[in-house]
């Protein structure tokens, strides 16, 4: 699942049942592919996909859900998910809120995202790289939870 899908589903889960699944949509454009080629041990980080994203929420019941609540949900999610704004010089999200009727508004959230494109070797994979076949994957990184340090004196 992509970062954009994760964020869109988080917004939906946070706002339901006030909004329905068909009331939220997302898309990408203006992407740039940054070639990385970094062996991660269990796979290869082949590239970063930097793109503009738009999340559209239709029929937002703005009298029931304060649109600023949606902004706070967005800000919290970006913070919790280590949005790489400084590292990649990403611009601040921009938001347009259009009141459609007494009961509903449309909200458009535009932001820049960066996605890892990671591959692992797979004989049936569609990606040809270094004379081998690979498939797209999410590399799981093992992190040490504790470290034992010993100071030995001679």
N, C-alpha and C. Protein backbone atom coordinates (compact mmCIF):
# COMPACT_ATOMS: atom_id res chain seq x y z
N UNK A 1 0.85 -1.18 0.00
CA UNK A 1 0.00 0.00 0.00
C UNK A 1 0.89 1.24 0.00
N UNK A 2 0.47 2.27 -0.69
CA UNK A 2 1.27 3.49 -0.80
C UNK A 2 0.98 4.43 0.37
N UNK A 3 1.86 5.42 0.53
CA UNK A 3 1.67 6.44 1.56
C UNK A 3 0.34 7.16 1.32
N UNK A 4 0.05 7.48 0.07
CA UNK A 4 -1.20 8.17 -0.26
C UNK A 4 -2.41 7.31 0.11
N UNK A 5 -2.35 6.01 -0.19
CA UNK A 5 -3.46 5.12 0.20
C UNK A 5 -3.61 5.06 1.71
N UNK A 6 -2.48 4.95 2.43
CA UNK A 6 -2.53 4.90 3.89
C UNK A 6 -3.17 6.17 4.46
N UNK A 7 -2.76 7.32 3.97
CA UNK A 7 -3.30 8.58 4.46
C UNK A 7 -4.79 8.71 4.13
N UNK A 8 -5.15 8.36 2.91
CA UNK A 8 -6.56 8.45 2.50
C UNK A 8 -7.44 7.55 3.36
N UNK A 9 -6.99 6.32 3.59
CA UNK A 9 -7.77 5.39 4.42
C UNK A 9 -7.82 5.86 5.87
N UNK A 10 -6.75 6.47 6.35
CA UNK A 10 -6.76 7.01 7.72
C UNK A 10 -7.80 8.13 7.85
N UNK A 11 -7.85 9.01 6.88
CA UNK A 11 -8.86 10.07 6.90
C UNK A 11 -10.26 9.48 6.86
N UNK A 12 -10.46 8.51 5.98
CA UNK A 12 -11.78 7.87 5.89
C UNK A 12 -12.16 7.22 7.22
N UNK A 13 -11.26 6.43 7.80
CA UNK A 13 -11.54 5.75 9.07
C UNK A 13 -11.81 6.75 10.19
N UNK A 14 -11.13 7.88 10.17
CA UNK A 14 -11.31 8.90 11.21
C UNK A 14 -12.63 9.65 11.06
N UNK A 15 -13.16 9.73 9.84
CA UNK A 15 -14.35 10.54 9.58
C UNK A 15 -15.63 9.72 9.41
N UNK A 16 -15.52 8.39 9.28
CA UNK A 16 -16.74 7.60 9.10
C UNK A 16 -17.47 7.51 10.43
N UNK A 17 -18.74 7.40 10.49
CA UNK A 17 -19.68 7.20 9.39
C UNK A 17 -20.18 8.51 8.77
N UNK A 18 -19.60 9.65 9.16
CA UNK A 18 -20.06 10.92 8.61
C UNK A 18 -19.81 11.03 7.10
N UNK A 19 -18.74 10.39 6.63
CA UNK A 19 -18.53 10.33 5.19
C UNK A 19 -18.50 8.87 4.76
N UNK A 20 -18.85 8.63 3.53
CA UNK A 20 -18.87 7.28 2.96
C UNK A 20 -17.59 7.08 2.13
N UNK A 21 -17.24 5.84 1.89
CA UNK A 21 -16.02 5.52 1.16
C UNK A 21 -16.01 6.15 -0.24
N UNK A 22 -17.17 6.20 -0.89
CA UNK A 22 -17.20 6.79 -2.24
C UNK A 22 -17.19 8.32 -2.21
N UNK A 23 -17.13 8.93 -1.01
CA UNK A 23 -17.04 10.38 -0.87
C UNK A 23 -15.59 10.86 -0.75
N UNK A 24 -14.63 9.94 -0.78
CA UNK A 24 -13.22 10.33 -0.65
C UNK A 24 -12.44 9.70 -1.80
N UNK A 25 -11.61 10.50 -2.44
CA UNK A 25 -10.84 10.04 -3.59
C UNK A 25 -9.45 10.65 -3.50
N UNK A 26 -8.48 10.01 -4.14
CA UNK A 26 -7.11 10.52 -4.12
C UNK A 26 -6.41 10.19 -5.43
N UNK A 27 -5.48 11.05 -5.82
CA UNK A 27 -4.70 10.80 -7.02
C UNK A 27 -3.34 11.48 -6.92
N UNK A 28 -2.44 11.05 -7.81
CA UNK A 28 -1.07 11.56 -7.85
C UNK A 28 -0.83 12.22 -9.21
N UNK A 29 0.05 13.23 -9.21
CA UNK A 29 0.56 13.76 -10.46
C UNK A 29 1.87 14.48 -10.22
N UNK A 30 2.48 14.97 -11.31
CA UNK A 30 3.75 15.70 -11.25
C UNK A 30 4.82 14.96 -10.45
N UNK A 31 5.01 13.70 -10.76
CA UNK A 31 5.97 12.89 -10.02
C UNK A 31 7.39 12.99 -10.56
N UNK A 32 8.33 12.74 -9.65
CA UNK A 32 9.74 12.66 -10.01
C UNK A 32 10.28 11.37 -9.42
N UNK A 33 11.05 10.64 -10.22
CA UNK A 33 11.64 9.39 -9.78
C UNK A 33 13.11 9.65 -9.44
N UNK A 34 13.46 9.45 -8.17
CA UNK A 34 14.84 9.62 -7.71
C UNK A 34 15.48 8.23 -7.59
N UNK A 35 16.45 7.93 -8.44
CA UNK A 35 17.09 6.63 -8.45
C UNK A 35 18.05 6.54 -7.25
N UNK A 36 17.91 5.47 -6.46
CA UNK A 36 18.69 5.32 -5.23
C UNK A 36 19.66 4.14 -5.33
N UNK A 37 19.20 2.94 -5.62
CA UNK A 37 19.99 1.71 -5.72
C UNK A 37 20.76 1.42 -4.43
N UNK A 38 20.06 1.25 -3.32
CA UNK A 38 20.67 1.00 -2.02
C UNK A 38 20.30 -0.40 -1.54
N UNK A 39 21.28 -1.28 -1.43
CA UNK A 39 21.05 -2.65 -0.96
C UNK A 39 20.72 -2.60 0.53
N UNK A 40 19.53 -3.09 0.88
CA UNK A 40 19.06 -3.06 2.27
C UNK A 40 19.25 -4.40 2.97
N UNK A 41 19.93 -5.34 2.34
CA UNK A 41 20.13 -6.66 2.92
C UNK A 41 19.02 -7.63 2.53
N UNK A 42 17.79 -7.29 2.86
CA UNK A 42 16.65 -8.14 2.53
C UNK A 42 16.00 -7.73 1.21
N UNK A 43 16.51 -6.69 0.59
CA UNK A 43 15.98 -6.17 -0.65
C UNK A 43 16.75 -4.93 -1.04
N UNK A 44 16.28 -4.27 -2.09
CA UNK A 44 16.97 -3.09 -2.61
C UNK A 44 15.99 -1.92 -2.66
N UNK A 45 16.41 -0.80 -2.09
CA UNK A 45 15.68 0.45 -2.26
C UNK A 45 16.14 0.98 -3.61
N UNK A 46 15.32 0.77 -4.63
CA UNK A 46 15.71 1.08 -6.00
C UNK A 46 15.50 2.56 -6.34
N UNK A 47 14.47 3.18 -5.70
CA UNK A 47 14.17 4.58 -6.02
C UNK A 47 13.24 5.18 -4.98
N UNK A 48 13.12 6.49 -5.03
CA UNK A 48 12.11 7.24 -4.27
C UNK A 48 11.19 7.88 -5.31
N UNK A 49 9.89 7.83 -5.03
CA UNK A 49 8.88 8.41 -5.92
C UNK A 49 8.32 9.63 -5.20
N UNK A 50 8.69 10.81 -5.67
CA UNK A 50 8.22 12.07 -5.09
C UNK A 50 7.14 12.63 -5.99
N UNK A 51 5.98 12.95 -5.42
CA UNK A 51 4.87 13.39 -6.26
C UNK A 51 3.94 14.33 -5.51
N UNK A 52 3.15 15.02 -6.28
CA UNK A 52 2.06 15.81 -5.72
C UNK A 52 0.87 14.90 -5.58
N UNK A 53 0.12 15.08 -4.52
CA UNK A 53 -1.06 14.25 -4.27
C UNK A 53 -2.24 15.16 -3.94
N UNK A 54 -3.41 14.70 -4.31
CA UNK A 54 -4.65 15.41 -3.97
C UNK A 54 -5.59 14.41 -3.35
N UNK A 55 -6.18 14.80 -2.23
CA UNK A 55 -7.24 14.01 -1.60
C UNK A 55 -8.48 14.88 -1.63
N UNK A 56 -9.53 14.37 -2.23
CA UNK A 56 -10.79 15.11 -2.34
C UNK A 56 -11.83 14.43 -1.45
N UNK A 57 -12.45 15.24 -0.60
CA UNK A 57 -13.54 14.75 0.25
C UNK A 57 -14.80 15.48 -0.19
N UNK A 58 -15.75 14.73 -0.70
CA UNK A 58 -17.02 15.30 -1.12
C UNK A 58 -18.06 15.07 -0.04
N UNK A 59 -19.08 15.87 -0.03
CA UNK A 59 -20.19 15.74 0.92
C UNK A 59 -19.72 15.66 2.38
N UNK A 60 -18.72 16.50 2.71
CA UNK A 60 -18.27 16.60 4.10
C UNK A 60 -19.33 17.37 4.88
N UNK A 61 -19.94 16.76 5.88
CA UNK A 61 -20.98 17.46 6.65
C UNK A 61 -20.32 18.48 7.61
N UNK A 62 -20.03 19.66 7.07
CA UNK A 62 -19.23 20.66 7.77
C UNK A 62 -19.89 21.20 9.04
N UNK A 63 -21.19 21.01 9.21
CA UNK A 63 -21.85 21.42 10.45
C UNK A 63 -21.72 20.34 11.52
N UNK A 64 -21.47 19.11 11.08
CA UNK A 64 -21.29 17.98 12.00
C UNK A 64 -19.81 17.75 12.31
N UNK A 65 -18.95 17.90 11.29
CA UNK A 65 -17.50 17.74 11.45
C UNK A 65 -16.85 19.06 11.07
N UNK A 66 -16.20 19.69 12.03
CA UNK A 66 -15.49 20.93 11.77
C UNK A 66 -14.34 20.64 10.81
N UNK A 67 -14.26 21.33 9.67
CA UNK A 67 -13.16 21.09 8.73
C UNK A 67 -11.78 21.23 9.38
N UNK A 68 -11.67 22.03 10.43
CA UNK A 68 -10.38 22.15 11.12
C UNK A 68 -10.00 20.84 11.81
N UNK A 69 -10.99 20.03 12.15
CA UNK A 69 -10.71 18.70 12.70
C UNK A 69 -9.99 17.86 11.65
N UNK A 70 -10.41 17.96 10.40
CA UNK A 70 -9.75 17.23 9.31
C UNK A 70 -8.30 17.71 9.18
N UNK A 71 -8.09 19.01 9.31
CA UNK A 71 -6.73 19.55 9.24
C UNK A 71 -5.86 19.00 10.37
N UNK A 72 -6.43 18.91 11.57
CA UNK A 72 -5.68 18.37 12.71
C UNK A 72 -5.37 16.88 12.52
N UNK A 73 -6.33 16.13 11.97
CA UNK A 73 -6.11 14.71 11.68
C UNK A 73 -4.95 14.57 10.68
N UNK A 74 -4.95 15.41 9.64
CA UNK A 74 -3.90 15.40 8.63
C UNK A 74 -2.54 15.72 9.26
N UNK A 75 -2.48 16.79 10.04
CA UNK A 75 -1.21 17.21 10.66
C UNK A 75 -0.68 16.12 11.59
N UNK A 76 -1.56 15.52 12.37
CA UNK A 76 -1.14 14.46 13.30
C UNK A 76 -0.61 13.25 12.54
N UNK A 77 -1.29 12.86 11.45
CA UNK A 77 -0.85 11.70 10.68
C UNK A 77 0.51 11.97 10.04
N UNK A 78 0.69 13.15 9.46
CA UNK A 78 1.98 13.47 8.85
C UNK A 78 3.10 13.46 9.88
N UNK A 79 2.82 13.96 11.08
CA UNK A 79 3.83 13.95 12.15
C UNK A 79 4.13 12.53 12.61
N UNK A 80 3.11 11.74 12.83
CA UNK A 80 3.29 10.36 13.28
C UNK A 80 4.00 9.48 12.26
N UNK A 81 3.86 9.81 10.99
CA UNK A 81 4.43 8.98 9.92
C UNK A 81 5.70 9.58 9.32
N UNK A 82 6.32 10.47 10.08
CA UNK A 82 7.62 11.04 9.72
C UNK A 82 7.67 11.56 8.28
N UNK A 83 6.70 12.41 7.97
CA UNK A 83 6.64 13.05 6.66
C UNK A 83 7.97 13.77 6.42
N UNK A 84 8.69 13.46 5.33
CA UNK A 84 10.05 13.98 5.12
C UNK A 84 10.09 15.38 4.51
N UNK A 85 9.37 16.31 5.09
CA UNK A 85 9.26 17.65 4.52
C UNK A 85 10.62 18.34 4.39
N UNK A 86 11.39 18.37 5.47
CA UNK A 86 12.68 19.07 5.43
C UNK A 86 13.69 18.35 4.55
N UNK A 87 13.72 17.02 4.64
CA UNK A 87 14.69 16.23 3.89
C UNK A 87 14.54 16.43 2.38
N UNK A 88 13.30 16.56 1.90
CA UNK A 88 13.04 16.69 0.46
C UNK A 88 12.55 18.07 0.05
N UNK A 89 12.49 19.02 0.98
CA UNK A 89 12.03 20.36 0.65
C UNK A 89 10.58 20.41 0.19
N UNK A 90 9.73 19.58 0.82
CA UNK A 90 8.33 19.51 0.43
C UNK A 90 7.58 20.75 0.93
N UNK A 91 6.67 21.24 0.12
CA UNK A 91 5.88 22.40 0.51
C UNK A 91 4.80 22.00 1.51
N UNK A 92 4.34 22.97 2.26
CA UNK A 92 3.25 22.74 3.22
C UNK A 92 2.00 22.30 2.47
N UNK A 93 1.19 21.43 3.08
CA UNK A 93 -0.08 21.06 2.43
C UNK A 93 -0.94 22.29 2.22
N UNK A 94 -1.69 22.30 1.13
CA UNK A 94 -2.66 23.38 0.91
C UNK A 94 -4.05 22.76 0.88
N UNK A 95 -5.01 23.52 1.37
CA UNK A 95 -6.37 23.00 1.52
C UNK A 95 -7.35 24.02 0.96
N UNK A 96 -8.31 23.52 0.18
CA UNK A 96 -9.42 24.33 -0.30
C UNK A 96 -10.70 23.73 0.26
N UNK A 97 -11.53 24.59 0.84
CA UNK A 97 -12.82 24.15 1.37
C UNK A 97 -13.90 24.96 0.67
N UNK A 98 -14.79 24.26 -0.03
CA UNK A 98 -15.88 24.91 -0.74
C UNK A 98 -17.20 24.46 -0.13
N UNK A 99 -17.98 25.41 0.40
CA UNK A 99 -19.30 25.06 0.92
C UNK A 99 -20.23 24.90 -0.27
N UNK A 100 -20.82 23.71 -0.38
CA UNK A 100 -21.70 23.38 -1.50
C UNK A 100 -23.16 23.66 -1.14
N UNK A 101 -23.50 23.35 0.09
CA UNK A 101 -24.87 23.56 0.54
C UNK A 101 -24.85 23.82 2.05
N UNK A 102 -26.03 23.99 2.60
CA UNK A 102 -26.16 24.21 4.04
C UNK A 102 -25.56 23.04 4.83
N UNK A 103 -25.60 21.84 4.25
CA UNK A 103 -25.17 20.64 4.97
C UNK A 103 -23.82 20.07 4.53
N UNK A 104 -23.36 20.42 3.33
CA UNK A 104 -22.17 19.76 2.81
C UNK A 104 -21.14 20.73 2.24
N UNK A 105 -19.88 20.30 2.35
CA UNK A 105 -18.76 21.03 1.76
C UNK A 105 -17.88 20.04 1.01
N UNK A 106 -17.05 20.58 0.14
CA UNK A 106 -16.02 19.79 -0.52
C UNK A 106 -14.68 20.27 0.02
N UNK A 107 -13.78 19.32 0.27
CA UNK A 107 -12.45 19.68 0.75
C UNK A 107 -11.43 19.04 -0.17
N UNK A 108 -10.47 19.84 -0.61
CA UNK A 108 -9.38 19.36 -1.44
C UNK A 108 -8.08 19.59 -0.68
N UNK A 109 -7.35 18.52 -0.43
CA UNK A 109 -6.07 18.58 0.28
C UNK A 109 -4.99 18.27 -0.75
N UNK A 110 -4.08 19.23 -0.95
CA UNK A 110 -2.96 19.03 -1.87
C UNK A 110 -1.67 19.00 -1.06
N UNK A 111 -0.86 17.97 -1.30
CA UNK A 111 0.40 17.87 -0.57
C UNK A 111 1.40 17.08 -1.39
N UNK A 112 2.65 17.17 -1.00
CA UNK A 112 3.71 16.42 -1.65
C UNK A 112 4.09 15.24 -0.78
N UNK A 113 4.29 14.09 -1.41
CA UNK A 113 4.65 12.87 -0.69
C UNK A 113 5.87 12.23 -1.34
N UNK A 114 6.55 11.41 -0.56
CA UNK A 114 7.70 10.65 -1.05
C UNK A 114 7.47 9.19 -0.66
N UNK A 115 7.58 8.31 -1.65
CA UNK A 115 7.35 6.88 -1.44
C UNK A 115 8.64 6.12 -1.75
N UNK A 116 8.94 5.09 -0.94
CA UNK A 116 10.04 4.19 -1.24
C UNK A 116 9.58 3.17 -2.28
N UNK A 117 10.42 2.91 -3.27
CA UNK A 117 10.19 1.82 -4.22
C UNK A 117 11.24 0.76 -3.91
N UNK A 118 10.79 -0.31 -3.27
CA UNK A 118 11.69 -1.36 -2.82
C UNK A 118 11.40 -2.65 -3.58
N UNK A 119 12.48 -3.36 -3.91
CA UNK A 119 12.32 -4.61 -4.65
C UNK A 119 13.07 -5.73 -3.95
N UNK A 120 12.57 -6.96 -4.17
CA UNK A 120 13.27 -8.14 -3.69
C UNK A 120 13.33 -9.16 -4.81
N UNK A 121 14.35 -10.00 -4.75
CA UNK A 121 14.54 -10.99 -5.80
C UNK A 121 13.38 -11.98 -5.82
N UNK A 122 12.88 -12.26 -7.03
CA UNK A 122 11.77 -13.19 -7.23
C UNK A 122 11.85 -13.69 -8.67
N UNK A 123 12.01 -15.00 -8.84
CA UNK A 123 12.14 -15.57 -10.18
C UNK A 123 10.95 -15.26 -11.09
N UNK A 124 9.78 -15.02 -10.51
CA UNK A 124 8.58 -14.72 -11.28
C UNK A 124 8.31 -13.22 -11.38
N UNK A 125 9.18 -12.40 -10.78
CA UNK A 125 8.95 -10.96 -10.74
C UNK A 125 9.04 -10.29 -12.10
N UNK A 126 8.34 -9.18 -12.27
CA UNK A 126 8.32 -8.48 -13.57
C UNK A 126 9.47 -7.49 -13.78
N UNK A 127 10.31 -7.29 -12.76
CA UNK A 127 11.35 -6.26 -12.83
C UNK A 127 12.70 -6.92 -13.12
N UNK A 128 13.28 -6.57 -14.23
CA UNK A 128 14.60 -7.08 -14.62
C UNK A 128 15.65 -6.11 -14.09
N UNK A 129 16.60 -6.60 -13.25
CA UNK A 129 17.61 -5.71 -12.66
C UNK A 129 18.85 -6.54 -12.36
N UNK A 130 20.00 -6.08 -12.80
CA UNK A 130 21.27 -6.75 -12.58
C UNK A 130 21.26 -8.21 -13.04
N UNK A 131 20.54 -8.47 -14.13
CA UNK A 131 20.48 -9.81 -14.68
C UNK A 131 19.59 -10.78 -13.92
N UNK A 132 18.80 -10.26 -12.98
CA UNK A 132 17.90 -11.11 -12.18
C UNK A 132 16.49 -10.54 -12.25
N UNK A 133 15.52 -11.32 -11.76
CA UNK A 133 14.12 -10.89 -11.70
C UNK A 133 13.79 -10.46 -10.27
N UNK A 134 13.01 -9.38 -10.16
CA UNK A 134 12.61 -8.83 -8.86
C UNK A 134 11.12 -8.51 -8.88
N UNK A 135 10.56 -8.34 -7.68
CA UNK A 135 9.19 -7.87 -7.53
C UNK A 135 9.20 -6.70 -6.55
N UNK A 136 8.20 -5.87 -6.67
CA UNK A 136 8.02 -4.74 -5.76
C UNK A 136 7.63 -5.29 -4.39
N UNK A 137 8.16 -4.71 -3.32
CA UNK A 137 7.89 -5.20 -1.97
C UNK A 137 8.02 -4.06 -0.97
N UNK A 138 7.73 -4.34 0.26
CA UNK A 138 8.03 -3.45 1.37
C UNK A 138 9.07 -4.15 2.22
N UNK A 139 10.28 -3.60 2.27
CA UNK A 139 11.36 -4.22 3.03
C UNK A 139 11.13 -3.96 4.50
N UNK A 140 11.16 -5.02 5.27
CA UNK A 140 11.02 -4.90 6.73
C UNK A 140 12.43 -4.76 7.30
N UNK A 141 12.65 -3.69 8.03
CA UNK A 141 13.95 -3.44 8.62
C UNK A 141 13.93 -3.93 10.07
N UNK A 142 14.89 -4.76 10.41
CA UNK A 142 15.02 -5.23 11.79
C UNK A 142 15.85 -4.22 12.56
N UNK A 143 15.29 -3.72 13.67
CA UNK A 143 15.99 -2.77 14.52
C UNK A 143 16.28 -3.43 15.86
N UNK A 144 17.47 -3.22 16.37
CA UNK A 144 17.82 -3.74 17.69
C UNK A 144 16.99 -3.03 18.74
N UNK A 145 16.43 -3.80 19.66
CA UNK A 145 15.63 -3.21 20.72
C UNK A 145 16.47 -2.92 21.97
N UNK A 146 17.59 -3.61 22.08
CA UNK A 146 18.51 -3.32 23.17
C UNK A 146 19.92 -3.68 22.73
N UNK A 147 20.87 -3.05 23.37
CA UNK A 147 22.28 -3.25 23.04
C UNK A 147 23.03 -3.46 24.33
N UNK A 148 23.94 -4.42 24.33
CA UNK A 148 24.79 -4.63 25.49
C UNK A 148 26.18 -4.17 25.13
N UNK A 149 26.73 -3.25 25.92
CA UNK A 149 28.05 -2.72 25.70
C UNK A 149 28.94 -3.12 26.87
N UNK A 150 30.09 -3.68 26.55
CA UNK A 150 31.04 -4.06 27.59
C UNK A 150 32.30 -3.25 27.41
N UNK A 151 32.82 -2.77 28.49
CA UNK A 151 34.06 -2.00 28.47
C UNK A 151 35.13 -2.88 29.06
N UNK A 152 36.01 -3.39 28.21
CA UNK A 152 37.09 -4.27 28.68
C UNK A 152 38.39 -3.47 28.77
N UNK A 153 38.98 -3.53 29.92
CA UNK A 153 40.25 -2.83 30.10
C UNK A 153 41.37 -3.85 30.08
N UNK A 154 42.48 -3.50 29.46
CA UNK A 154 43.64 -4.40 29.38
C UNK A 154 44.46 -4.35 30.63
